[in-house]
Every structure is written in structure tokens, then in C-alpha cells.
């Protein structure tokens, strides 16, 4: 699985688990709502700065977030 798609799927799952809308997450992370949507769909890829902002807004470490992405890309290879 493409890492951009995997990141988007992980972000969406984490956001929903946190009970946040795209708009709420965007506000907490100081990014645009449409940017969150584009990331979740795998259209745009976040910078390292944005990854840290999103992780902070979701109360998860950036390394845990990326670990979940890595797991998802590994699952797809099986």
C-alpha cells in the first residue's frame, strides 16, 4: 500500500477514534480543513511539521502515528 494512502487511513481512524470532525482536527492542529481531507484521501502528503501538529492534536506521539502507518503498509504486502 502506498504510504500516503496508509497515512490518510491512519489519520482518519485516529480522528474518528478521538471523536473529532475534520474541521475540529484542523482547528486543533492549526491547518485548513480541506488539507485534512486531502491528507485523509492520500492526495496530499503532510510535512514533518504538520505530522507533529496532527499528532499533538490527537494526543498521540508522532512516532506512534508513523508506526501505525508502517504497520498498515506492511499488512498490505502480506
C-alpha atoms as a PDB file:
ATOM      1  CA  UNK A   1       0.000   0.000   0.000  1.00  0.00           C
ATOM      2  CA  UNK A   2       1.197   3.482  -0.826  1.00  0.00           C
ATOM      3  CA  UNK A   3       2.412   5.254   2.344  1.00  0.00           C
ATOM      4  CA  UNK A   4       0.361   8.379   1.523  1.00  0.00           C
ATOM      5  CA  UNK A   5      -2.824   6.285   1.362  1.00  0.00           C
ATOM      6  CA  UNK A   6      -1.853   4.427   4.545  1.00  0.00           C
ATOM      7  CA  UNK A   7      -1.159   7.699   6.369  1.00  0.00           C
ATOM      8  CA  UNK A   8      -4.556   9.018   5.325  1.00  0.00           C
ATOM      9  CA  UNK A   9      -6.325   5.893   6.545  1.00  0.00           C
ATOM     10  CA  UNK A  10      -4.491   6.010   9.864  1.00  0.00           C
ATOM     11  CA  UNK A  11      -5.231   9.709  10.284  1.00  0.00           C
ATOM     12  CA  UNK A  12      -8.942   9.171   9.579  1.00  0.00           C
ATOM     13  CA  UNK A  13      -9.130   6.269  12.059  1.00  0.00           C
ATOM     14  CA  UNK A  14      -7.312   8.231  14.777  1.00  0.00           C
ATOM     15  CA  UNK A  15      -9.506  11.281  14.177  1.00  0.00           C
ATOM     16  CA  UNK A  16     -12.697   9.238  14.381  1.00  0.00           C
ATOM     17  CA  UNK A  17     -11.457   7.406  17.494  1.00  0.00           C
ATOM     18  CA  UNK A  18     -10.878  10.809  19.086  1.00  0.00           C
ATOM     19  CA  UNK A  19     -14.419  11.818  18.169  1.00  0.00           C
ATOM     20  CA  UNK A  20     -13.264  14.766  16.075  1.00  0.00           C
ATOM     21  CA  UNK A  21     -14.579  16.105  12.794  1.00  0.00           C
ATOM     22  CA  UNK A  22     -12.121  17.141  10.102  1.00  0.00           C
ATOM     23  CA  UNK A  23     -12.880  20.747  10.996  1.00  0.00           C
ATOM     24  CA  UNK A  24     -12.206  20.179  14.700  1.00  0.00           C
ATOM     25  CA  UNK A  25      -8.929  18.395  13.990  1.00  0.00           C
ATOM     26  CA  UNK A  26      -7.877  21.112  11.567  1.00  0.00           C
ATOM     27  CA  UNK A  27      -8.617  23.783  14.151  1.00  0.00           C
ATOM     28  CA  UNK A  28      -6.680  21.936  16.886  1.00  0.00           C
ATOM     29  CA  UNK A  29      -3.725  21.385  14.544  1.00  0.00           C
ATOM     30  CA  UNK A  30      -3.812  24.890  13.015  1.00  0.00           C
ATOM     31  CA  UNK A  31      -4.234  23.637   9.460  1.00  0.00           C
ATOM     32  CA  UNK A  32      -7.019  24.054   6.901  1.00  0.00           C
ATOM     33  CA  UNK A  33      -9.938  21.619   6.976  1.00  0.00           C
ATOM     34  CA  UNK A  34      -9.601  20.851   3.289  1.00  0.00           C
ATOM     35  CA  UNK A  35      -5.937  19.961   3.881  1.00  0.00           C
ATOM     36  CA  UNK A  36      -7.002  17.332   6.439  1.00  0.00           C
ATOM     37  CA  UNK A  37      -9.448  15.966   3.854  1.00  0.00           C
ATOM     38  CA  UNK A  38      -6.758  15.847   1.166  1.00  0.00           C
ATOM     39  CA  UNK A  39      -4.357  14.050   3.523  1.00  0.00           C
ATOM     40  CA  UNK A  40      -7.009  11.524   4.519  1.00  0.00           C
ATOM     41  CA  UNK A  41      -7.693  10.759   0.846  1.00  0.00           C
ATOM     42  CA  UNK A  42      -3.975  10.365   0.095  1.00  0.00           C
ATOM     43  CA  UNK A  43      -3.979  13.320  -2.310  1.00  0.00           C
ATOM     44  CA  UNK A  44      -1.623  15.494  -0.251  1.00  0.00           C
ATOM     45  CA  UNK A  45       1.225  14.429   1.970  1.00  0.00           C
ATOM     46  CA  UNK A  46       1.936  16.228   5.244  1.00  0.00           C
ATOM     47  CA  UNK A  47       5.264  17.774   6.098  1.00  0.00           C
ATOM     48  CA  UNK A  48       7.027  16.665   9.252  1.00  0.00           C
ATOM     49  CA  UNK A  49       5.788  19.865  10.925  1.00  0.00           C
ATOM     50  CA  UNK A  50       2.173  19.007  10.048  1.00  0.00           C
ATOM     51  CA  UNK A  51       2.626  15.419  11.256  1.00  0.00           C
ATOM     52  CA  UNK A  52       3.716  16.779  14.636  1.00  0.00           C
ATOM     53  CA  UNK A  53       0.751  19.202  14.743  1.00  0.00           C
ATOM     54  CA  UNK A  54      -1.744  16.468  13.862  1.00  0.00           C
ATOM     55  CA  UNK A  55      -0.262  14.043  16.372  1.00  0.00           C
ATOM     56  CA  UNK A  56      -0.352  16.674  19.103  1.00  0.00           C
ATOM     57  CA  UNK A  57      -3.999  17.468  18.310  1.00  0.00           C
ATOM     58  CA  UNK A  58      -4.806  13.748  18.504  1.00  0.00           C
ATOM     59  CA  UNK A  59      -2.857  13.282  21.771  1.00  0.00           C
ATOM     60  CA  UNK A  60      -0.581  10.673  20.213  1.00  0.00           C
ATOM     61  CA  UNK A  61       3.148  10.755  19.620  1.00  0.00           C
ATOM     62  CA  UNK A  62       4.313  11.349  16.051  1.00  0.00           C
ATOM     63  CA  UNK A  63       6.366   8.166  16.278  1.00  0.00           C
ATOM     64  CA  UNK A  64       3.285   6.126  17.253  1.00  0.00           C
ATOM     65  CA  UNK A  65       1.349   7.652  14.359  1.00  0.00           C
ATOM     66  CA  UNK A  66       4.092   6.721  11.897  1.00  0.00           C
ATOM     67  CA  UNK A  67       4.386   3.279  13.467  1.00  0.00           C
ATOM     68  CA  UNK A  68       0.696   2.709  12.707  1.00  0.00           C
ATOM     69  CA  UNK A  69       1.306   3.802   9.112  1.00  0.00           C
ATOM     70  CA  UNK A  70       4.231   1.417   8.873  1.00  0.00           C
ATOM     71  CA  UNK A  71       2.070  -1.439  10.194  1.00  0.00           C
ATOM     72  CA  UNK A  72      -0.638  -0.662   7.623  1.00  0.00           C
ATOM     73  CA  UNK A  73       1.849  -0.653   4.728  1.00  0.00           C
ATOM     74  CA  UNK A  74       3.307  -3.948   5.970  1.00  0.00           C
ATOM     75  CA  UNK A  75      -0.140  -5.559   6.224  1.00  0.00           C
ATOM     76  CA  UNK A  76      -0.809  -4.740   2.595  1.00  0.00           C
ATOM     77  CA  UNK A  77       2.340  -6.587   1.492  1.00  0.00           C
ATOM     78  CA  UNK A  78       1.161  -9.865   3.002  1.00  0.00           C
END
